[in-house]
Amino acid sequence: MQLTQENLKERKTGIGGSDCAAALGQSKWSTPLDVYLDKIDPDSKQLEENDAMRWGNILEPAVIKNYEDVAGVKVEQPNRIFRSEKYPWMLANVDGIVNDNLLLEAKTTKFYSDEWGDEGTDFIPVQYLCQVAHYCIVLDKVAADIAVLGATSDFRIYHYERNKHLDEQIIDGLHDFWHNNVLKQIPPDPVNSSDIIKLYRHADETKILIADEPLSKLAYDHKHVKNQMSELKSRQDFLEMEIKAAMKDHAFLVDLDGAQLISWKDQVANKFQQKDFKVKHQALYDQFCKATESRVLRNKIK
């Protein structure tokens, strides 16, 4: 459903199914810190819709209707956020309720990943597994069907049965995240460079950190790797020059068995001529220029 301002405020009061995998460090799209920052920021808004989200919203009713036809059932589609009575920090916004025991989650995907197993199993991407397990806990349901529409009209129904061990992992993990991070406003440990930048977006130029031995080693190792990359780039450029000089106007290079080694063909690419545009349309160029801030790490070791 499209979240209202009231829904967005309610989402701040707990962890939803779409937050679950990220909060537990199991999402490839978001980190625990992303969830934490969203929960503590009173002004954060609904995510801007991308193409995948847009098509998911457009196709969700069709996926649910096809599930009803295939399964021979009628699906209730509640337009509300549920809260667990037993674990009040856990929220759920489900796509459908099939009956007293069964939930429905509707998805669109490409099925190109080995994260999807045989239809009828719970062999699904871990972020979706966490999501439906989370929903079953909140609404105290026994199972969930995952109706999935893939590319080229590939429709499948996967099935998840409550798993006590997974329930315990989710409940304990989210309890710790909610009570020890969100409520105490202590950010979880960063898991990548993007997380660190979100935590320390600006530099205080009055502050200098004295490096101990391990940190000094990191700085020198970083410089060493940068030097290696520069040397490899120079070597790559030299090898390309030698190959091109040998190929001359030949489009392909093959070995003695005819296996292709190199192609060097013509191609056309449209490139935006930024300098020319700026000269001819200065006012329009200025209108679409946007100042951006970033912290730049430069290795100063000689």
Foldseek 3Di string as FASTA:
>chain_A
DDDDLVNLQVCLQAPELLCQCQCLQNDPPHHVLVVLVSNQDNPDDDDDDDPQNVVFVVCLVVLQVVCCVVVVFDWDADPDKFAAPVQRRYIYRFRTDGDLAEGEHEEEEAPPDPQDDDFAELSHRPSVVSSQLSVCRRSVHQKYWYWYQHPPRDTGIYIGGHDPVSNVSSSVSRVCSCVVPNVVVNGDDDDDPVSVCVVPVDDDVVDDDDDDPVRVVVLVVVVVVVVVVVVVVVVVVVVVVVVCVVCPPPQFDADPVRHTDDGDDDDDDDDDPVVVCCVVPVPVNVVPDDDDDGDDDDRPDD
